[in-house]
Amino acid sequence: PKVAEIPVRLPSGEERVQELFNDTVIGFNKFGKE
């Protein structure tokens, strides 16, 4: 689920809103094992 919205100022000065989600990233090795 979405957990937050954070205002972000880029180095260029542009203002944006970053959305944060409670995601899980999974990595697998050469043999496809988590």
PDB file of all heavy atoms in Angstrom:
ATOM      1  N   PRO A   1       0.816  -1.220   0.000  1.00  0.00           N
ATOM      2  CA  PRO A   1       0.000   0.000   0.000  1.00  0.00           C
ATOM      3  C   PRO A   1       0.850   1.271   0.000  1.00  0.00           C
ATOM      4  O   PRO A   1       2.016   1.264   0.405  1.00  0.00           O
ATOM      5  CB  PRO A   1      -0.792  -0.120   1.308  1.00  0.00           C
ATOM      6  CG  PRO A   1       0.098  -0.946   2.196  1.00  0.00           C
ATOM      7  CD  PRO A   1       0.785  -1.922   1.305  1.00  0.00           C
ATOM      8  N   LYS A   2       0.246   2.349  -0.446  1.00  0.00           N
ATOM      9  CA  LYS A   2       0.882   3.652  -0.388  1.00  0.00           C
ATOM     10  C   LYS A   2       0.929   4.119   1.058  1.00  0.00           C
ATOM     11  O   LYS A   2      -0.064   4.039   1.779  1.00  0.00           O
ATOM     12  CB  LYS A   2       0.110   4.659  -1.253  1.00  0.00           C
ATOM     13  CG  LYS A   2       0.750   6.021  -1.322  1.00  0.00           C
ATOM     14  CD  LYS A   2      -0.158   6.961  -2.117  1.00  0.00           C
ATOM     15  CE  LYS A   2       0.318   7.836  -2.932  1.00  0.00           C
ATOM     16  NZ  LYS A   2      -0.497   8.736  -3.718  1.00  0.00           N
ATOM     17  N   VAL A   3       2.106   4.601   1.487  1.00  0.00           N
ATOM     18  CA  VAL A   3       2.261   4.978   2.890  1.00  0.00           C
ATOM     19  C   VAL A   3       2.572   6.455   3.091  1.00  0.00           C
ATOM     20  O   VAL A   3       2.418   6.977   4.197  1.00  0.00           O
ATOM     21  CB  VAL A   3       3.371   4.131   3.564  1.00  0.00           C
ATOM     22  CG1 VAL A   3       2.937   2.682   3.660  1.00  0.00           C
ATOM     23  CG2 VAL A   3       4.703   4.240   2.828  1.00  0.00           C
ATOM     24  N   ALA A   4       3.009   7.139   2.043  1.00  0.00           N
ATOM     25  CA  ALA A   4       3.371   8.540   2.243  1.00  0.00           C
ATOM     26  C   ALA A   4       3.531   9.261   0.914  1.00  0.00           C
ATOM     27  O   ALA A   4       3.745   8.640  -0.132  1.00  0.00           O
ATOM     28  CB  ALA A   4       4.670   8.671   3.048  1.00  0.00           C
ATOM     29  N   GLU A   5       3.392  10.575   0.976  1.00  0.00           N
ATOM     30  CA  GLU A   5       3.740  11.471  -0.119  1.00  0.00           C
ATOM     31  C   GLU A   5       4.685  12.525   0.432  1.00  0.00           C
ATOM     32  O   GLU A   5       4.372  13.188   1.423  1.00  0.00           O
ATOM     33  CB  GLU A   5       2.499  12.125  -0.739  1.00  0.00           C
ATOM     34  CG  GLU A   5       1.607  11.172  -1.516  1.00  0.00           C
ATOM     35  CD  GLU A   5       0.466  11.891  -2.214  1.00  0.00           C
ATOM     36  OE1 GLU A   5       0.280  13.113  -1.963  1.00  0.00           O
ATOM     37  OE2 GLU A   5      -0.240  11.266  -3.031  1.00  0.00           O
ATOM     38  N   ILE A   6       5.843  12.657  -0.200  1.00  0.00           N
ATOM     39  CA  ILE A   6       6.886  13.536   0.312  1.00  0.00           C
ATOM     40  C   ILE A   6       7.235  14.595  -0.735  1.00  0.00           C
ATOM     41  O   ILE A   6       7.556  14.250  -1.876  1.00  0.00           O
ATOM     42  CB  ILE A   6       8.158  12.740   0.671  1.00  0.00           C
ATOM     43  CG1 ILE A   6       7.840  11.641   1.683  1.00  0.00           C
ATOM     44  CG2 ILE A   6       9.246  13.654   1.206  1.00  0.00           C
ATOM     45  CD1 ILE A   6       8.993  10.708   1.960  1.00  0.00           C
ATOM     46  N   PRO A   7       7.164  15.887  -0.368  1.00  0.00           N
ATOM     47  CA  PRO A   7       7.598  16.918  -1.310  1.00  0.00           C
ATOM     48  C   PRO A   7       9.116  16.877  -1.488  1.00  0.00           C
ATOM     49  O   PRO A   7       9.865  16.747  -0.519  1.00  0.00           O
ATOM     50  CB  PRO A   7       7.144  18.231  -0.653  1.00  0.00           C
ATOM     51  CG  PRO A   7       7.045  17.910   0.811  1.00  0.00           C
ATOM     52  CD  PRO A   7       6.659  16.462   0.902  1.00  0.00           C
ATOM     53  N   VAL A   8       9.570  16.952  -2.714  1.00  0.00           N
ATOM     54  CA  VAL A   8      10.990  16.863  -3.040  1.00  0.00           C
ATOM     55  C   VAL A   8      11.385  18.048  -3.915  1.00  0.00           C
ATOM     56  O   VAL A   8      10.691  18.372  -4.878  1.00  0.00           O
ATOM     57  CB  VAL A   8      11.311  15.544  -3.771  1.00  0.00           C
ATOM     58  CG1 VAL A   8      12.776  15.504  -4.188  1.00  0.00           C
ATOM     59  CG2 VAL A   8      10.987  14.341  -2.892  1.00  0.00           C
ATOM     60  N   ARG A   9      12.490  18.682  -3.566  1.00  0.00           N
ATOM     61  CA  ARG A   9      13.053  19.724  -4.405  1.00  0.00           C
ATOM     62  C   ARG A   9      14.272  19.148  -5.132  1.00  0.00           C
ATOM     63  O   ARG A   9      15.251  18.756  -4.502  1.00  0.00           O
ATOM     64  CB  ARG A   9      13.464  20.948  -3.586  1.00  0.00           C
ATOM     65  CG  ARG A   9      14.065  22.086  -4.447  1.00  0.00           C
ATOM     66  CD  ARG A   9      14.612  23.203  -3.573  1.00  0.00           C
ATOM     67  NE  ARG A   9      13.568  23.897  -2.880  1.00  0.00           N
ATOM     68  CZ  ARG A   9      12.916  24.956  -3.382  1.00  0.00           C
ATOM     69  NH1 ARG A   9      13.229  25.416  -4.584  1.00  0.00           N
ATOM     70  NH2 ARG A   9      11.967  25.539  -2.690  1.00  0.00           N
ATOM     71  N   LEU A  10      14.212  19.098  -6.449  1.00  0.00           N
ATOM     72  CA  LEU A  10      15.318  18.588  -7.245  1.00  0.00           C
ATOM     73  C   LEU A  10      16.479  19.580  -7.256  1.00  0.00           C
ATOM     74  O   LEU A  10      16.279  20.775  -6.986  1.00  0.00           O
ATOM     75  CB  LEU A  10      14.848  18.323  -8.673  1.00  0.00           C
ATOM     76  CG  LEU A  10      13.709  17.309  -8.858  1.00  0.00           C
ATOM     77  CD1 LEU A  10      13.384  17.142 -10.334  1.00  0.00           C
ATOM     78  CD2 LEU A  10      14.072  15.968  -8.240  1.00  0.00           C
ATOM     79  N   PRO A  11      17.696  19.122  -7.550  1.00  0.00           N
ATOM     80  CA  PRO A  11      18.826  20.057  -7.648  1.00  0.00           C
ATOM     81  C   PRO A  11      18.577  21.207  -8.623  1.00  0.00           C
ATOM     82  O   PRO A  11      19.151  22.283  -8.466  1.00  0.00           O
ATOM     83  CB  PRO A  11      19.973  19.162  -8.130  1.00  0.00           C
ATOM     84  CG  PRO A  11      19.620  17.809  -7.618  1.00  0.00           C
ATOM     85  CD  PRO A  11      18.132  17.728  -7.689  1.00  0.00           C
ATOM     86  N   SER A  12      17.715  20.991  -9.616  1.00  0.00           N
ATOM     87  CA  SER A  12      17.374  22.045 -10.571  1.00  0.00           C
ATOM     88  C   SER A  12      16.462  23.101  -9.973  1.00  0.00           C
ATOM     89  O   SER A  12      16.258  24.158 -10.564  1.00  0.00           O
ATOM     90  CB  SER A  12      16.705  21.436 -11.802  1.00  0.00           C
ATOM     91  OG  SER A  12      15.468  20.824 -11.442  1.00  0.00           O
ATOM     92  N   GLY A  13      15.893  22.847  -8.792  1.00  0.00           N
ATOM     93  CA  GLY A  13      14.943  23.746  -8.167  1.00  0.00           C
ATOM     94  C   GLY A  13      13.493  23.339  -8.362  1.00  0.00           C
ATOM     95  O   GLY A  13      12.596  23.888  -7.723  1.00  0.00           O
ATOM     96  N   GLU A  14      13.243  22.368  -9.263  1.00  0.00           N
ATOM     97  CA  GLU A  14      11.880  21.910  -9.532  1.00  0.00           C
ATOM     98  C   GLU A  14      11.303  21.187  -8.309  1.00  0.00           C
ATOM     99  O   GLU A  14      11.992  20.431  -7.631  1.00  0.00           O
ATOM    100  CB  GLU A  14      11.868  20.974 -10.737  1.00  0.00           C
ATOM    101  CG  GLU A  14      10.488  20.450 -11.102  1.00  0.00           C
ATOM    102  CD  GLU A  14      10.529  19.417 -12.216  1.00  0.00           C
ATOM    103  OE1 GLU A  14      11.594  19.293 -12.877  1.00  0.00           O
ATOM    104  OE2 GLU A  14       9.510  18.711 -12.418  1.00  0.00           O
ATOM    105  N   GLU A  15      10.020  21.462  -8.028  1.00  0.00           N
ATOM    106  CA  GLU A  15       9.320  20.814  -6.925  1.00  0.00           C
ATOM    107  C   GLU A  15       8.538  19.616  -7.441  1.00  0.00           C
ATOM    108  O   GLU A  15       7.827  19.703  -8.438  1.00  0.00           O
ATOM    109  CB  GLU A  15       8.365  21.792  -6.246  1.00  0.00           C
ATOM    110  CG  GLU A  15       9.024  23.025  -5.639  1.00  0.00           C
ATOM    111  CD  GLU A  15       9.639  22.751  -4.283  1.00  0.00           C
ATOM    112  OE1 GLU A  15       9.467  21.613  -3.781  1.00  0.00           O
ATOM    113  OE2 GLU A  15      10.292  23.654  -3.726  1.00  0.00           O
ATOM    114  N   ARG A  16       8.676  18.469  -6.743  1.00  0.00           N
ATOM    115  CA  ARG A  16       7.917  17.274  -7.081  1.00  0.00           C
ATOM    116  C   ARG A  16       7.383  16.616  -5.815  1.00  0.00           C
ATOM    117  O   ARG A  16       7.799  16.954  -4.707  1.00  0.00           O
ATOM    118  CB  ARG A  16       8.777  16.276  -7.849  1.00  0.00           C
ATOM    119  CG  ARG A  16       9.110  16.671  -9.273  1.00  0.00           C
ATOM    120  CD  ARG A  16       9.744  15.519 -10.011  1.00  0.00           C
ATOM    121  NE  ARG A  16      10.170  15.909 -11.358  1.00  0.00           N
ATOM    122  CZ  ARG A  16      10.774  15.092 -12.203  1.00  0.00           C
ATOM    123  NH1 ARG A  16      11.016  13.828 -11.851  1.00  0.00           N
ATOM    124  NH2 ARG A  16      11.136  15.527 -13.403  1.00  0.00           N
ATOM    125  N   VAL A  17       6.475  15.683  -6.019  1.00  0.00           N
ATOM    126  CA  VAL A  17       5.946  14.886  -4.920  1.00  0.00           C
ATOM    127  C   VAL A  17       6.344  13.429  -5.153  1.00  0.00           C
ATOM    128  O   VAL A  17       6.009  12.846  -6.185  1.00  0.00           O
ATOM    129  CB  VAL A  17       4.414  15.014  -4.809  1.00  0.00           C
ATOM    130  CG1 VAL A  17       3.891  14.062  -3.727  1.00  0.00           C
ATOM    131  CG2 VAL A  17       4.015  16.439  -4.489  1.00  0.00           C
ATOM    132  N   GLN A  18       7.064  12.860  -4.209  1.00  0.00           N
ATOM    133  CA  GLN A  18       7.453  11.466  -4.294  1.00  0.00           C
ATOM    134  C   GLN A  18       6.472  10.599  -3.514  1.00  0.00           C
ATOM    135  O   GLN A  18       6.174  10.876  -2.355  1.00  0.00           O
ATOM    136  CB  GLN A  18       8.864  11.250  -3.748  1.00  0.00           C
ATOM    137  CG  GLN A  18       9.329   9.800  -3.851  1.00  0.00           C
ATOM    138  CD  GLN A  18      10.700   9.562  -3.270  1.00  0.00           C
ATOM    139  OE1 GLN A  18      11.313  10.480  -2.724  1.00  0.00           O
ATOM    140  NE2 GLN A  18      11.214   8.346  -3.389  1.00  0.00           N
ATOM    141  N   GLU A  19       5.993   9.569  -4.167  1.00  0.00           N
ATOM    142  CA  GLU A  19       5.086   8.627  -3.525  1.00  0.00           C
ATOM    143  C   GLU A  19       5.884   7.455  -2.967  1.00  0.00           C
ATOM    144  O   GLU A  19       6.732   6.881  -3.649  1.00  0.00           O
ATOM    145  CB  GLU A  19       4.046   8.130  -4.524  1.00  0.00           C
ATOM    146  CG  GLU A  19       3.132   9.220  -5.071  1.00  0.00           C
ATOM    147  CD  GLU A  19       2.128   8.668  -6.066  1.00  0.00           C
ATOM    148  OE1 GLU A  19       2.525   7.858  -6.926  1.00  0.00           O
ATOM    149  OE2 GLU A  19       0.943   9.032  -5.984  1.00  0.00           O
ATOM    150  N   LEU A  20       5.602   7.096  -1.707  1.00  0.00           N
ATOM    151  CA  LEU A  20       6.250   5.965  -1.073  1.00  0.00           C
ATOM    152  C   LEU A  20       5.244   4.840  -0.877  1.00  0.00           C
ATOM    153  O   LEU A  20       4.129   5.065  -0.407  1.00  0.00           O
ATOM    154  CB  LEU A  20       6.847   6.363   0.277  1.00  0.00           C
ATOM    155  CG  LEU A  20       8.117   7.203   0.272  1.00  0.00           C
ATOM    156  CD1 LEU A  20       8.567   7.476   1.699  1.00  0.00           C
ATOM    157  CD2 LEU A  20       9.228   6.492  -0.493  1.00  0.00           C
ATOM    158  N   PHE A  21       5.660   3.636  -1.259  1.00  0.00           N
ATOM    159  CA  PHE A  21       4.824   2.459  -1.126  1.00  0.00           C
ATOM    160  C   PHE A  21       5.521   1.436  -0.247  1.00  0.00           C
ATOM    161  O   PHE A  21       6.756   1.331  -0.253  1.00  0.00           O
ATOM    162  CB  PHE A  21       4.526   1.851  -2.496  1.00  0.00           C
ATOM    163  CG  PHE A  21       3.754   2.750  -3.413  1.00  0.00           C
ATOM    164  CD1 PHE A  21       4.413   3.683  -4.209  1.00  0.00           C
ATOM    165  CD2 PHE A  21       2.382   2.676  -3.481  1.00  0.00           C
ATOM    166  CE1 PHE A  21       3.714   4.520  -5.063  1.00  0.00           C
ATOM    167  CE2 PHE A  21       1.671   3.514  -4.333  1.00  0.00           C
ATOM    168  CZ  PHE A  21       2.341   4.433  -5.122  1.00  0.00           C
ATOM    169  N   ASN A  22       4.743   0.700   0.488  1.00  0.00           N
ATOM    170  CA  ASN A  22       5.283  -0.334   1.365  1.00  0.00           C
ATOM    171  C   ASN A  22       5.532  -1.613   0.542  1.00  0.00           C
ATOM    172  O   ASN A  22       5.004  -2.686   0.839  1.00  0.00           O
ATOM    173  CB  ASN A  22       4.293  -0.597   2.501  1.00  0.00           C
ATOM    174  CG  ASN A  22       4.886  -1.401   3.640  1.00  0.00           C
ATOM    175  OD1 ASN A  22       4.161  -2.027   4.396  1.00  0.00           O
ATOM    176  ND2 ASN A  22       6.210  -1.393   3.801  1.00  0.00           N
ATOM    177  N   ASP A  23       6.407  -1.476  -0.475  1.00  0.00           N
ATOM    178  CA  ASP A  23       6.712  -2.592  -1.368  1.00  0.00           C
ATOM    179  C   ASP A  23       7.833  -3.455  -0.792  1.00  0.00           C
ATOM    180  O   ASP A  23       8.619  -3.017   0.059  1.00  0.00           O
ATOM    181  CB  ASP A  23       7.132  -2.076  -2.741  1.00  0.00           C
ATOM    182  CG  ASP A  23       6.014  -1.334  -3.467  1.00  0.00           C
ATOM    183  OD1 ASP A  23       4.837  -1.553  -3.124  1.00  0.00           O
ATOM    184  OD2 ASP A  23       6.329  -0.552  -4.390  1.00  0.00           O
ATOM    185  N   THR A  24       7.916  -4.668  -1.300  1.00  0.00           N
ATOM    186  CA  THR A  24       9.003  -5.582  -0.958  1.00  0.00           C
ATOM    187  C   THR A  24       9.716  -5.992  -2.239  1.00  0.00           C
ATOM    188  O   THR A  24       9.083  -6.444  -3.195  1.00  0.00           O
ATOM    189  CB  THR A  24       8.481  -6.831  -0.232  1.00  0.00           C
ATOM    190  OG1 THR A  24       7.870  -6.446   1.002  1.00  0.00           O
ATOM    191  CG2 THR A  24       9.622  -7.799   0.063  1.00  0.00           C
ATOM    192  N   VAL A  25      11.044  -5.813  -2.286  1.00  0.00           N
ATOM    193  CA  VAL A  25      11.828  -6.219  -3.441  1.00  0.00           C
ATOM    194  C   VAL A  25      12.557  -7.511  -3.095  1.00  0.00           C
ATOM    195  O   VAL A  25      13.129  -7.658  -2.015  1.00  0.00           O
ATOM    196  CB  VAL A  25      12.814  -5.103  -3.875  1.00  0.00           C
ATOM    197  CG1 VAL A  25      13.768  -4.726  -2.755  1.00  0.00           C
ATOM    198  CG2 VAL A  25      13.593  -5.520  -5.118  1.00  0.00           C
ATOM    199  N   ILE A  26      12.501  -8.466  -4.018  1.00  0.00           N
ATOM    200  CA  ILE A  26      13.077  -9.794  -3.822  1.00  0.00           C
ATOM    201  C   ILE A  26      14.186 -10.007  -4.844  1.00  0.00           C
ATOM    202  O   ILE A  26      14.017  -9.710  -6.027  1.00  0.00           O
ATOM    203  CB  ILE A  26      12.006 -10.892  -3.967  1.00  0.00           C
ATOM    204  CG1 ILE A  26      10.821 -10.596  -3.035  1.00  0.00           C
ATOM    205  CG2 ILE A  26      12.590 -12.264  -3.655  1.00  0.00           C
ATOM    206  CD1 ILE A  26       9.607 -11.456  -3.322  1.00  0.00           C
ATOM    207  N   GLY A  27      15.332 -10.520  -4.388  1.00  0.00           N
ATOM    208  CA  GLY A  27      16.457 -10.796  -5.269  1.00  0.00           C
ATOM    209  C   GLY A  27      16.707 -12.285  -5.400  1.00  0.00           C
ATOM    210  O   GLY A  27      16.578 -13.041  -4.431  1.00  0.00           O
ATOM    211  N   PHE A  28      17.066 -12.716  -6.612  1.00  0.00           N
ATOM    212  CA  PHE A  28      17.284 -14.138  -6.907  1.00  0.00           C
ATOM    213  C   PHE A  28      18.707 -14.354  -7.425  1.00  0.00           C
ATOM    214  O   PHE A  28      19.264 -13.511  -8.142  1.00  0.00           O
ATOM    215  CB  PHE A  28      16.284 -14.639  -7.956  1.00  0.00           C
ATOM    216  CG  PHE A  28      14.841 -14.454  -7.551  1.00  0.00           C
ATOM    217  CD1 PHE A  28      14.177 -13.259  -7.813  1.00  0.00           C
ATOM    218  CD2 PHE A  28      14.157 -15.462  -6.911  1.00  0.00           C
ATOM    219  CE1 PHE A  28      12.844 -13.084  -7.445  1.00  0.00           C
ATOM    220  CE2 PHE A  28      12.822 -15.294  -6.529  1.00  0.00           C
ATOM    221  CZ  PHE A  28      12.174 -14.107  -6.797  1.00  0.00           C
ATOM    222  N   ASN A  29      19.305 -15.491  -7.076  1.00  0.00           N
ATOM    223  CA  ASN A  29      20.663 -15.785  -7.520  1.00  0.00           C
ATOM    224  C   ASN A  29      20.680 -16.441  -8.902  1.00  0.00           C
ATOM    225  O   ASN A  29      19.646 -16.501  -9.586  1.00  0.00           O
ATOM    226  CB  ASN A  29      21.410 -16.641  -6.485  1.00  0.00           C
ATOM    227  CG  ASN A  29      20.823 -18.051  -6.364  1.00  0.00           C
ATOM    228  OD1 ASN A  29      19.977 -18.495  -7.147  1.00  0.00           O
ATOM    229  ND2 ASN A  29      21.297 -18.788  -5.371  1.00  0.00           N
ATOM    230  N   LYS A  30      21.824 -16.959  -9.305  1.00  0.00           N
ATOM    231  CA  LYS A  30      22.000 -17.551 -10.627  1.00  0.00           C
ATOM    232  C   LYS A  30      21.030 -18.684 -10.898  1.00  0.00           C
ATOM    233  O   LYS A  30      20.585 -18.887 -12.038  1.00  0.00           O
ATOM    234  CB  LYS A  30      23.443 -18.036 -10.771  1.00  0.00           C
ATOM    235  CG  LYS A  30      23.759 -18.705 -12.092  1.00  0.00           C
ATOM    236  CD  LYS A  30      25.194 -19.206 -12.127  1.00  0.00           C
ATOM    237  CE  LYS A  30      25.514 -19.910 -13.441  1.00  0.00           C
ATOM    238  NZ  LYS A  30      26.923 -20.410 -13.461  1.00  0.00           N
ATOM    239  N   PHE A  31      20.676 -19.434  -9.863  1.00  0.00           N
ATOM    240  CA  PHE A  31      19.825 -20.615 -10.015  1.00  0.00           C
ATOM    241  C   PHE A  31      18.347 -20.319  -9.784  1.00  0.00           C
ATOM    242  O   PHE A  31      17.538 -21.238  -9.669  1.00  0.00           O
ATOM    243  CB  PHE A  31      20.302 -21.712  -9.074  1.00  0.00           C
ATOM    244  CG  PHE A  31      21.759 -22.039  -9.221  1.00  0.00           C
ATOM    245  CD1 PHE A  31      22.650 -21.832  -8.165  1.00  0.00           C
ATOM    246  CD2 PHE A  31      22.263 -22.515 -10.415  1.00  0.00           C
ATOM    247  CE1 PHE A  31      23.999 -22.117  -8.308  1.00  0.00           C
ATOM    248  CE2 PHE A  31      23.622 -22.803 -10.561  1.00  0.00           C
ATOM    249  CZ  PHE A  31      24.482 -22.604  -9.510  1.00  0.00           C
ATOM    250  N   GLY A  32      17.991 -19.024  -9.702  1.00  0.00           N
ATOM    251  CA  GLY A  32      16.601 -18.644  -9.500  1.00  0.00           C
ATOM    252  C   GLY A  32      16.112 -18.782  -8.077  1.00  0.00           C
ATOM    253  O   GLY A  32      14.910 -18.696  -7.815  1.00  0.00           O
ATOM    254  N   LYS A  33      17.036 -18.990  -7.141  1.00  0.00           N
ATOM    255  CA  LYS A  33      16.681 -19.138  -5.736  1.00  0.00           C
ATOM    256  C   LYS A  33      16.581 -17.770  -5.067  1.00  0.00           C
ATOM    257  O   LYS A  33      17.453 -16.916  -5.242  1.00  0.00           O
ATOM    258  CB  LYS A  33      17.722 -19.994  -5.024  1.00  0.00           C
ATOM    259  CG  LYS A  33      17.466 -20.182  -3.537  1.00  0.00           C
ATOM    260  CD  LYS A  33      18.594 -20.959  -2.876  1.00  0.00           C
ATOM    261  CE  LYS A  33      18.385 -21.077  -1.369  1.00  0.00           C
ATOM    262  NZ  LYS A  33      19.503 -21.803  -0.702  1.00  0.00           N
ATOM    263  N   GLU A  34      15.524 -17.559  -4.299  1.00  0.00           N
ATOM    264  CA  GLU A  34      15.393 -16.311  -3.547  1.00  0.00           C
ATOM    265  C   GLU A  34      16.462 -16.241  -2.462  1.00  0.00           C
ATOM    266  O   GLU A  34      16.585 -17.145  -1.638  1.00  0.00           O
ATOM    267  CB  GLU A  34      14.012 -16.213  -2.909  1.00  0.00           C
ATOM    268  CG  GLU A  34      13.819 -14.940  -2.069  1.00  0.00           C
ATOM    269  CD  GLU A  34      12.494 -14.886  -1.336  1.00  0.00           C
ATOM    270  OE1 GLU A  34      11.484 -15.383  -1.891  1.00  0.00           O
ATOM    271  OE2 GLU A  34      12.452 -14.371  -0.201  1.00  0.00           O
TER     272      GLU A  34
END
